[in-house]
Amino acid sequence: MAIADLFPAPDGILSLGPANKAELLDMLAAEAARRLGRPEEDTEEDVLHALMAREKLGSTALGRGIALPHARLDWLQEPLAILARLTQPIDFEARDGEPVDLVFLVLWPESTPEGFLPALSGICRALRDNGLPRRLRGAGSAAEALAMLQAMDHADPDAQP
């Protein structure tokens, strides 16, 4: 899945201020429930539980200050991705020991597992460009940050149309 399809709207969060990893995942779960049009407490708890279960398997920190928390949900109809830039870096148990300040949340429908790993790998491929994280950290708006991500589709020969 192309990054432009995963992040279609310029509504990333550029000023999220969690104190720690647990608070970040809680904030992301609440935002995901709101964006899904399901702000009910059980939806938020379901998302949070799925994210926490994945983190128990091992940190989703990629290194260089970037994390990619992700989960598959059986009730989800369409993929949801959120880009968040943190106001202060937090510990995310990264292998390189670097605190995280760029977060890419990906929630995926359990009913369509075939696109999940390609979507995650597409984000990882885009982030291999060492300048992209720096540019994302300096973006003046969410629209600008997402345009940078979407531009990586054109630079990535492995991106699917």
N, C-alpha and C. Protein backbone atom coordinates (compact mmCIF):
# COMPACT_ATOMS: atom_id res chain seq x y z
N MET A 1 0.84 -1.18 0.00
CA MET A 1 0.00 0.00 0.00
C MET A 1 0.89 1.24 0.00
N ALA A 2 0.58 2.16 -0.88
CA ALA A 2 1.35 3.40 -0.97
C ALA A 2 1.12 4.24 0.27
N ILE A 3 2.15 4.99 0.65
CA ILE A 3 2.04 5.85 1.83
C ILE A 3 0.92 6.86 1.65
N ALA A 4 0.73 7.36 0.43
CA ALA A 4 -0.35 8.32 0.18
C ALA A 4 -1.72 7.72 0.49
N ASP A 5 -1.87 6.40 0.29
CA ASP A 5 -3.13 5.75 0.61
C ASP A 5 -3.28 5.52 2.11
N LEU A 6 -2.17 5.27 2.77
CA LEU A 6 -2.20 5.01 4.20
C LEU A 6 -2.40 6.30 5.01
N PHE A 7 -1.80 7.37 4.53
CA PHE A 7 -1.91 8.68 5.18
C PHE A 7 -2.57 9.65 4.20
N PRO A 8 -3.87 9.49 3.90
CA PRO A 8 -4.49 10.30 2.85
C PRO A 8 -4.81 11.73 3.26
N ALA A 9 -4.99 12.00 4.53
CA ALA A 9 -5.43 13.33 4.95
C ALA A 9 -4.34 14.03 5.75
N PRO A 10 -4.23 15.35 5.56
CA PRO A 10 -3.19 16.09 6.27
C PRO A 10 -3.59 16.41 7.71
N ASP A 11 -3.82 15.37 8.49
CA ASP A 11 -4.25 15.64 9.86
C ASP A 11 -3.41 14.88 10.88
N GLY A 12 -2.09 14.94 10.69
CA GLY A 12 -1.19 14.38 11.69
C GLY A 12 -1.21 15.26 12.93
N ILE A 13 -0.55 14.80 13.95
CA ILE A 13 -0.50 15.53 15.21
C ILE A 13 0.94 15.96 15.43
N LEU A 14 1.20 17.26 15.46
CA LEU A 14 2.56 17.74 15.59
C LEU A 14 2.91 18.26 16.98
N SER A 15 2.03 18.09 17.93
CA SER A 15 2.33 18.64 19.26
C SER A 15 1.79 17.76 20.37
N LEU A 16 2.02 16.47 20.26
CA LEU A 16 1.56 15.55 21.28
C LEU A 16 2.57 15.54 22.42
N GLY A 17 2.10 15.65 23.66
CA GLY A 17 3.00 15.78 24.80
C GLY A 17 2.86 14.72 25.87
N PRO A 18 3.02 13.44 25.55
CA PRO A 18 2.94 12.42 26.60
C PRO A 18 4.17 12.43 27.49
N ALA A 19 4.00 11.97 28.71
CA ALA A 19 5.11 11.88 29.65
C ALA A 19 5.89 10.58 29.50
N ASN A 20 5.22 9.55 28.94
CA ASN A 20 5.87 8.25 28.83
C ASN A 20 5.17 7.42 27.75
N LYS A 21 5.69 6.22 27.54
CA LYS A 21 5.17 5.33 26.50
C LYS A 21 3.71 4.96 26.73
N ALA A 22 3.36 4.61 27.96
CA ALA A 22 1.98 4.21 28.27
C ALA A 22 1.01 5.36 27.99
N GLU A 23 1.40 6.56 28.38
CA GLU A 23 0.53 7.72 28.13
C GLU A 23 0.41 7.99 26.63
N LEU A 24 1.50 7.82 25.89
CA LEU A 24 1.45 8.00 24.43
C LEU A 24 0.48 7.02 23.80
N LEU A 25 0.58 5.75 24.16
CA LEU A 25 -0.31 4.75 23.57
C LEU A 25 -1.76 5.04 23.94
N ASP A 26 -2.01 5.51 25.14
CA ASP A 26 -3.36 5.90 25.56
C ASP A 26 -3.87 7.06 24.71
N MET A 27 -3.04 8.07 24.49
CA MET A 27 -3.43 9.22 23.66
C MET A 27 -3.72 8.79 22.22
N LEU A 28 -2.87 7.92 21.69
CA LEU A 28 -3.07 7.45 20.32
C LEU A 28 -4.34 6.62 20.19
N ALA A 29 -4.63 5.80 21.19
CA ALA A 29 -5.86 5.00 21.17
C ALA A 29 -7.09 5.91 21.19
N ALA A 30 -7.05 6.96 22.00
CA ALA A 30 -8.17 7.90 22.06
C ALA A 30 -8.34 8.63 20.74
N GLU A 31 -7.23 9.05 20.14
CA GLU A 31 -7.29 9.74 18.85
C GLU A 31 -7.78 8.81 17.75
N ALA A 32 -7.33 7.56 17.77
CA ALA A 32 -7.78 6.59 16.77
C ALA A 32 -9.29 6.37 16.90
N ALA A 33 -9.79 6.20 18.11
CA ALA A 33 -11.23 6.00 18.32
C ALA A 33 -12.01 7.20 17.79
N ARG A 34 -11.50 8.39 18.04
CA ARG A 34 -12.18 9.60 17.55
C ARG A 34 -12.20 9.63 16.02
N ARG A 35 -11.07 9.33 15.40
CA ARG A 35 -10.99 9.36 13.93
C ARG A 35 -11.81 8.27 13.28
N LEU A 36 -12.00 7.19 13.99
CA LEU A 36 -12.82 6.10 13.46
C LEU A 36 -14.30 6.37 13.64
N GLY A 37 -14.64 7.49 14.29
CA GLY A 37 -16.04 7.81 14.53
C GLY A 37 -16.65 6.92 15.59
N ARG A 38 -15.80 6.35 16.42
CA ARG A 38 -16.24 5.45 17.49
C ARG A 38 -15.59 5.89 18.80
N PRO A 39 -15.94 7.05 19.30
CA PRO A 39 -15.28 7.56 20.51
C PRO A 39 -15.72 6.86 21.80
N GLU A 40 -16.47 5.79 21.67
CA GLU A 40 -16.91 5.06 22.85
C GLU A 40 -15.71 4.54 23.62
N GLU A 41 -15.86 4.46 24.91
CA GLU A 41 -14.76 4.02 25.76
C GLU A 41 -14.27 2.62 25.41
N ASP A 42 -15.19 1.71 25.03
CA ASP A 42 -14.76 0.35 24.73
C ASP A 42 -13.91 0.29 23.46
N THR A 43 -14.15 1.16 22.49
CA THR A 43 -13.32 1.21 21.28
C THR A 43 -11.91 1.65 21.64
N GLU A 44 -11.82 2.71 22.42
CA GLU A 44 -10.52 3.21 22.84
C GLU A 44 -9.77 2.13 23.63
N GLU A 45 -10.46 1.46 24.54
CA GLU A 45 -9.83 0.40 25.33
C GLU A 45 -9.38 -0.76 24.45
N ASP A 46 -10.18 -1.10 23.44
CA ASP A 46 -9.83 -2.18 22.52
C ASP A 46 -8.55 -1.85 21.75
N VAL A 47 -8.46 -0.62 21.25
CA VAL A 47 -7.27 -0.19 20.53
C VAL A 47 -6.07 -0.20 21.47
N LEU A 48 -6.23 0.36 22.65
CA LEU A 48 -5.13 0.41 23.61
C LEU A 48 -4.67 -1.00 23.98
N HIS A 49 -5.61 -1.89 24.23
CA HIS A 49 -5.26 -3.27 24.57
C HIS A 49 -4.45 -3.92 23.45
N ALA A 50 -4.87 -3.72 22.20
CA ALA A 50 -4.15 -4.30 21.06
C ALA A 50 -2.74 -3.72 20.94
N LEU A 51 -2.60 -2.42 21.15
CA LEU A 51 -1.28 -1.80 21.08
C LEU A 51 -0.37 -2.30 22.21
N MET A 52 -0.92 -2.39 23.42
CA MET A 52 -0.14 -2.85 24.56
C MET A 52 0.27 -4.32 24.38
N ALA A 53 -0.64 -5.13 23.84
CA ALA A 53 -0.32 -6.54 23.60
C ALA A 53 0.84 -6.66 22.61
N ARG A 54 0.83 -5.83 21.58
CA ARG A 54 1.93 -5.85 20.60
C ARG A 54 3.24 -5.40 21.25
N GLU A 55 3.18 -4.37 22.08
CA GLU A 55 4.40 -3.88 22.73
C GLU A 55 4.99 -4.92 23.69
N LYS A 56 4.14 -5.77 24.26
CA LYS A 56 4.65 -6.83 25.15
C LYS A 56 5.52 -7.83 24.39
N LEU A 57 5.29 -7.96 23.10
CA LEU A 57 6.11 -8.85 22.27
C LEU A 57 7.50 -8.27 22.02
N GLY A 58 7.62 -6.98 22.16
CA GLY A 58 8.87 -6.26 21.92
C GLY A 58 8.55 -4.85 21.48
N SER A 59 9.42 -3.95 21.80
CA SER A 59 9.19 -2.55 21.46
C SER A 59 9.09 -2.36 19.96
N THR A 60 8.17 -1.50 19.55
CA THR A 60 8.02 -1.17 18.14
C THR A 60 8.85 0.07 17.76
N ALA A 61 9.77 0.45 18.65
CA ALA A 61 10.71 1.52 18.31
C ALA A 61 11.65 1.02 17.22
N LEU A 62 11.85 1.83 16.20
CA LEU A 62 12.70 1.45 15.08
C LEU A 62 14.13 1.91 15.26
N GLY A 63 14.34 2.84 16.19
CA GLY A 63 15.64 3.47 16.35
C GLY A 63 15.62 4.85 15.74
N ARG A 64 16.66 5.63 16.00
CA ARG A 64 16.81 7.00 15.50
C ARG A 64 15.63 7.89 15.90
N GLY A 65 14.99 7.58 17.05
CA GLY A 65 13.91 8.42 17.55
C GLY A 65 12.56 8.17 16.92
N ILE A 66 12.38 7.01 16.29
CA ILE A 66 11.14 6.71 15.56
C ILE A 66 10.50 5.45 16.12
N ALA A 67 9.18 5.47 16.27
CA ALA A 67 8.43 4.29 16.69
C ALA A 67 7.29 4.02 15.71
N LEU A 68 6.94 2.75 15.57
CA LEU A 68 5.89 2.31 14.67
C LEU A 68 4.93 1.37 15.40
N PRO A 69 4.20 1.89 16.40
CA PRO A 69 3.23 1.02 17.07
C PRO A 69 2.14 0.60 16.08
N HIS A 70 1.76 -0.67 16.16
CA HIS A 70 0.79 -1.19 15.19
C HIS A 70 0.02 -2.35 15.79
N ALA A 71 -1.15 -2.58 15.22
CA ALA A 71 -1.99 -3.70 15.67
C ALA A 71 -3.02 -4.01 14.60
N ARG A 72 -3.51 -5.24 14.64
CA ARG A 72 -4.62 -5.65 13.78
C ARG A 72 -5.84 -5.83 14.66
N LEU A 73 -6.98 -5.34 14.15
CA LEU A 73 -8.23 -5.37 14.92
C LEU A 73 -9.32 -6.06 14.11
N ASP A 74 -10.06 -6.97 14.75
CA ASP A 74 -11.06 -7.74 14.01
C ASP A 74 -12.28 -6.92 13.59
N TRP A 75 -12.59 -5.83 14.26
CA TRP A 75 -13.76 -5.03 13.93
C TRP A 75 -13.45 -3.87 12.98
N LEU A 76 -12.19 -3.62 12.73
CA LEU A 76 -11.79 -2.49 11.89
C LEU A 76 -12.11 -2.78 10.43
N GLN A 77 -12.69 -1.80 9.73
CA GLN A 77 -13.07 -1.98 8.32
C GLN A 77 -12.00 -1.50 7.34
N GLU A 78 -11.31 -0.41 7.68
CA GLU A 78 -10.30 0.20 6.81
C GLU A 78 -9.05 0.49 7.65
N PRO A 79 -7.88 0.45 7.02
CA PRO A 79 -6.67 0.81 7.77
C PRO A 79 -6.73 2.25 8.28
N LEU A 80 -6.07 2.48 9.38
CA LEU A 80 -5.95 3.82 9.94
C LEU A 80 -4.50 4.05 10.30
N ALA A 81 -3.95 5.17 9.86
CA ALA A 81 -2.58 5.53 10.20
C ALA A 81 -2.56 6.97 10.70
N ILE A 82 -1.76 7.20 11.72
CA ILE A 82 -1.63 8.54 12.30
C ILE A 82 -0.15 8.83 12.48
N LEU A 83 0.28 9.99 12.01
CA LEU A 83 1.63 10.48 12.25
C LEU A 83 1.57 11.42 13.44
N ALA A 84 2.43 11.20 14.42
CA ALA A 84 2.49 12.08 15.59
C ALA A 84 3.94 12.49 15.82
N ARG A 85 4.12 13.78 16.06
CA ARG A 85 5.43 14.30 16.46
C ARG A 85 5.29 14.77 17.89
N LEU A 86 6.17 14.30 18.76
CA LEU A 86 6.07 14.60 20.18
C LEU A 86 6.79 15.90 20.52
N THR A 87 6.25 16.61 21.49
CA THR A 87 6.87 17.86 21.91
C THR A 87 8.18 17.60 22.65
N GLN A 88 8.27 16.48 23.34
CA GLN A 88 9.48 16.05 24.04
C GLN A 88 9.69 14.57 23.77
N PRO A 89 10.91 14.15 23.45
CA PRO A 89 11.17 12.73 23.25
C PRO A 89 10.90 11.93 24.53
N ILE A 90 10.45 10.69 24.35
CA ILE A 90 10.18 9.80 25.49
C ILE A 90 10.89 8.47 25.29
N ASP A 91 11.12 7.78 26.38
CA ASP A 91 11.71 6.45 26.32
C ASP A 91 10.68 5.49 25.72
N PHE A 92 11.10 4.71 24.72
CA PHE A 92 10.22 3.75 24.07
C PHE A 92 10.88 2.39 24.01
N GLU A 93 11.92 2.21 24.83
CA GLU A 93 12.65 0.95 24.90
C GLU A 93 13.28 0.57 23.56
N ALA A 94 13.83 1.56 22.88
CA ALA A 94 14.46 1.32 21.59
C ALA A 94 15.79 0.60 21.78
N ARG A 95 16.13 -0.24 20.83
CA ARG A 95 17.40 -0.97 20.90
C ARG A 95 18.60 -0.04 20.90
N ASP A 96 18.48 1.08 20.19
CA ASP A 96 19.61 2.00 20.14
C ASP A 96 19.63 2.96 21.34
N GLY A 97 18.62 2.84 22.22
CA GLY A 97 18.57 3.67 23.42
C GLY A 97 18.10 5.09 23.19
N GLU A 98 17.83 5.45 21.94
CA GLU A 98 17.39 6.82 21.63
C GLU A 98 15.93 7.01 22.02
N PRO A 99 15.60 8.13 22.66
CA PRO A 99 14.19 8.41 22.94
C PRO A 99 13.44 8.72 21.64
N VAL A 100 12.15 8.49 21.66
CA VAL A 100 11.30 8.62 20.47
C VAL A 100 10.59 9.97 20.44
N ASP A 101 10.58 10.58 19.26
CA ASP A 101 9.81 11.80 19.08
C ASP A 101 8.97 11.79 17.80
N LEU A 102 9.14 10.77 16.96
CA LEU A 102 8.30 10.59 15.77
C LEU A 102 7.61 9.24 15.88
N VAL A 103 6.27 9.25 15.74
CA VAL A 103 5.49 8.04 15.93
C VAL A 103 4.55 7.85 14.73
N PHE A 104 4.55 6.65 14.20
CA PHE A 104 3.66 6.28 13.10
C PHE A 104 2.77 5.16 13.60
N LEU A 105 1.53 5.48 13.94
CA LEU A 105 0.57 4.48 14.40
C LEU A 105 -0.10 3.86 13.18
N VAL A 106 -0.18 2.53 13.14
CA VAL A 106 -0.88 1.83 12.07
C VAL A 106 -1.82 0.81 12.69
N LEU A 107 -3.10 0.96 12.39
CA LEU A 107 -4.12 -0.01 12.79
C LEU A 107 -4.65 -0.64 11.51
N TRP A 108 -4.81 -1.96 11.54
CA TRP A 108 -5.15 -2.68 10.30
C TRP A 108 -6.30 -3.64 10.54
N PRO A 109 -7.20 -3.79 9.56
CA PRO A 109 -8.29 -4.77 9.70
C PRO A 109 -7.76 -6.20 9.69
N GLU A 110 -8.19 -6.98 10.63
CA GLU A 110 -7.81 -8.39 10.70
C GLU A 110 -8.29 -9.14 9.45
N SER A 111 -9.37 -8.65 8.84
CA SER A 111 -9.96 -9.33 7.68
C SER A 111 -9.14 -9.19 6.40
N THR A 112 -8.17 -8.28 6.36
CA THR A 112 -7.33 -8.11 5.17
C THR A 112 -5.86 -8.12 5.56
N PRO A 113 -5.37 -9.22 6.06
CA PRO A 113 -3.99 -9.27 6.55
C PRO A 113 -2.93 -9.12 5.46
N GLU A 114 -3.30 -9.39 4.21
CA GLU A 114 -2.30 -9.39 3.14
C GLU A 114 -1.64 -8.03 2.92
N GLY A 115 -2.26 -6.93 3.27
CA GLY A 115 -1.65 -5.63 3.05
C GLY A 115 -0.90 -5.08 4.25
N PHE A 116 -1.01 -5.74 5.38
CA PHE A 116 -0.46 -5.21 6.63
C PHE A 116 1.06 -5.09 6.62
N LEU A 117 1.75 -6.19 6.36
CA LEU A 117 3.21 -6.15 6.37
C LEU A 117 3.78 -5.27 5.26
N PRO A 118 3.22 -5.28 4.04
CA PRO A 118 3.72 -4.34 3.03
C PRO A 118 3.54 -2.88 3.45
N ALA A 119 2.46 -2.56 4.15
CA ALA A 119 2.27 -1.18 4.61
C ALA A 119 3.34 -0.79 5.63
N LEU A 120 3.60 -1.68 6.58
CA LEU A 120 4.64 -1.40 7.57
C LEU A 120 6.02 -1.28 6.91
N SER A 121 6.30 -2.17 5.98
CA SER A 121 7.61 -2.12 5.32
C SER A 121 7.74 -0.88 4.44
N GLY A 122 6.64 -0.42 3.86
CA GLY A 122 6.68 0.82 3.08
C GLY A 122 7.06 2.02 3.92
N ILE A 123 6.52 2.09 5.13
CA ILE A 123 6.89 3.17 6.04
C ILE A 123 8.37 3.05 6.41
N CYS A 124 8.79 1.84 6.73
CA CYS A 124 10.20 1.63 7.10
C CYS A 124 11.13 1.99 5.95
N ARG A 125 10.77 1.62 4.71
CA ARG A 125 11.59 1.97 3.55
C ARG A 125 11.70 3.48 3.41
N ALA A 126 10.58 4.18 3.56
CA ALA A 126 10.61 5.64 3.43
C ALA A 126 11.52 6.25 4.49
N LEU A 127 11.51 5.67 5.68
CA LEU A 127 12.29 6.23 6.78
C LEU A 127 13.78 5.88 6.69
N ARG A 128 14.15 5.01 5.76
CA ARG A 128 15.58 4.72 5.55
C ARG A 128 16.30 5.95 5.01
N ASP A 129 15.56 6.83 4.35
CA ASP A 129 16.13 8.10 3.90
C ASP A 129 16.49 8.88 5.16
N ASN A 130 17.79 8.99 5.44
CA ASN A 130 18.22 9.63 6.68
C ASN A 130 17.75 11.06 6.83
N GLY A 131 17.47 11.74 5.74
CA GLY A 131 17.01 13.13 5.83
C GLY A 131 15.54 13.25 6.15
N LEU A 132 14.74 12.21 5.88
CA LEU A 132 13.30 12.31 6.10
C LEU A 132 12.94 12.54 7.57
N PRO A 133 13.47 11.78 8.51
CA PRO A 133 13.12 12.07 9.91
C PRO A 133 13.48 13.51 10.32
N ARG A 134 14.63 13.98 9.87
CA ARG A 134 15.03 15.36 10.18
C ARG A 134 14.03 16.36 9.59
N ARG A 135 13.62 16.12 8.35
CA ARG A 135 12.65 17.03 7.71
C ARG A 135 11.30 16.95 8.42
N LEU A 136 10.88 15.76 8.82
CA LEU A 136 9.61 15.62 9.54
C LEU A 136 9.65 16.36 10.87
N ARG A 137 10.79 16.29 11.54
CA ARG A 137 10.93 16.99 12.82
C ARG A 137 10.86 18.50 12.64
N GLY A 138 11.22 18.99 11.47
CA GLY A 138 11.20 20.42 11.21
C GLY A 138 9.97 20.91 10.48
N ALA A 139 9.04 20.02 10.16
CA ALA A 139 7.84 20.41 9.40
C ALA A 139 7.05 21.46 10.16
N GLY A 140 6.56 22.46 9.43
CA GLY A 140 5.79 23.55 10.04
C GLY A 140 4.33 23.22 10.25
N SER A 141 3.84 22.17 9.58
CA SER A 141 2.43 21.81 9.72
C SER A 141 2.29 20.31 9.47
N ALA A 142 1.16 19.77 9.89
CA ALA A 142 0.88 18.36 9.65
C ALA A 142 0.78 18.10 8.15
N ALA A 143 0.18 19.01 7.41
CA ALA A 143 0.05 18.85 5.96
C ALA A 143 1.43 18.77 5.31
N GLU A 144 2.35 19.61 5.76
CA GLU A 144 3.71 19.60 5.22
C GLU A 144 4.40 18.27 5.54
N ALA A 145 4.26 17.79 6.76
CA ALA A 145 4.87 16.52 7.17
C ALA A 145 4.32 15.37 6.33
N LEU A 146 3.01 15.32 6.15
CA LEU A 146 2.41 14.23 5.39
C LEU A 146 2.75 14.32 3.91
N ALA A 147 2.91 15.54 3.39
CA ALA A 147 3.34 15.69 2.00
C ALA A 147 4.75 15.12 1.82
N MET A 148 5.61 15.30 2.82
CA MET A 148 6.96 14.73 2.77
C MET A 148 6.88 13.20 2.71
N LEU A 149 6.02 12.63 3.53
CA LEU A 149 5.84 11.18 3.53
C LEU A 149 5.31 10.70 2.19
N GLN A 150 4.29 11.38 1.70
CA GLN A 150 3.66 10.97 0.45
C GLN A 150 4.62 11.10 -0.72
N ALA A 151 5.52 12.07 -0.67
CA ALA A 151 6.51 12.25 -1.74
C ALA A 151 7.45 11.05 -1.81
N MET A 152 7.59 10.34 -0.71
CA MET A 152 8.46 9.17 -0.69
C MET A 152 7.90 8.06 -1.59
N ASP A 153 6.59 8.05 -1.84
CA ASP A 153 6.01 7.06 -2.75
C ASP A 153 6.64 7.19 -4.13
N HIS A 154 6.88 8.43 -4.55
CA HIS A 154 7.45 8.67 -5.88
C HIS A 154 8.92 8.32 -5.92
N ALA A 155 9.59 8.40 -4.78
CA ALA A 155 11.00 8.08 -4.71
C ALA A 155 11.24 6.60 -4.49
N ASP A 156 10.21 5.85 -4.12
CA ASP A 156 10.34 4.44 -3.76
C ASP A 156 9.90 3.55 -4.92
N PRO A 157 10.83 2.89 -5.58
CA PRO A 157 10.45 2.04 -6.72
C PRO A 157 9.65 0.83 -6.33
N ASP A 158 9.65 0.46 -5.04
CA ASP A 158 8.88 -0.71 -4.59
C ASP A 158 7.46 -0.38 -4.20
N ALA A 159 7.08 0.91 -4.18
CA ALA A 159 5.73 1.30 -3.78
C ALA A 159 4.72 0.76 -4.77
N GLN A 160 3.61 0.28 -4.27
CA GLN A 160 2.55 -0.25 -5.11
C GLN A 160 1.58 0.87 -5.49
N PRO A 161 1.12 0.93 -6.74
CA PRO A 161 0.15 1.97 -7.13
C PRO A 161 -1.19 1.76 -6.50
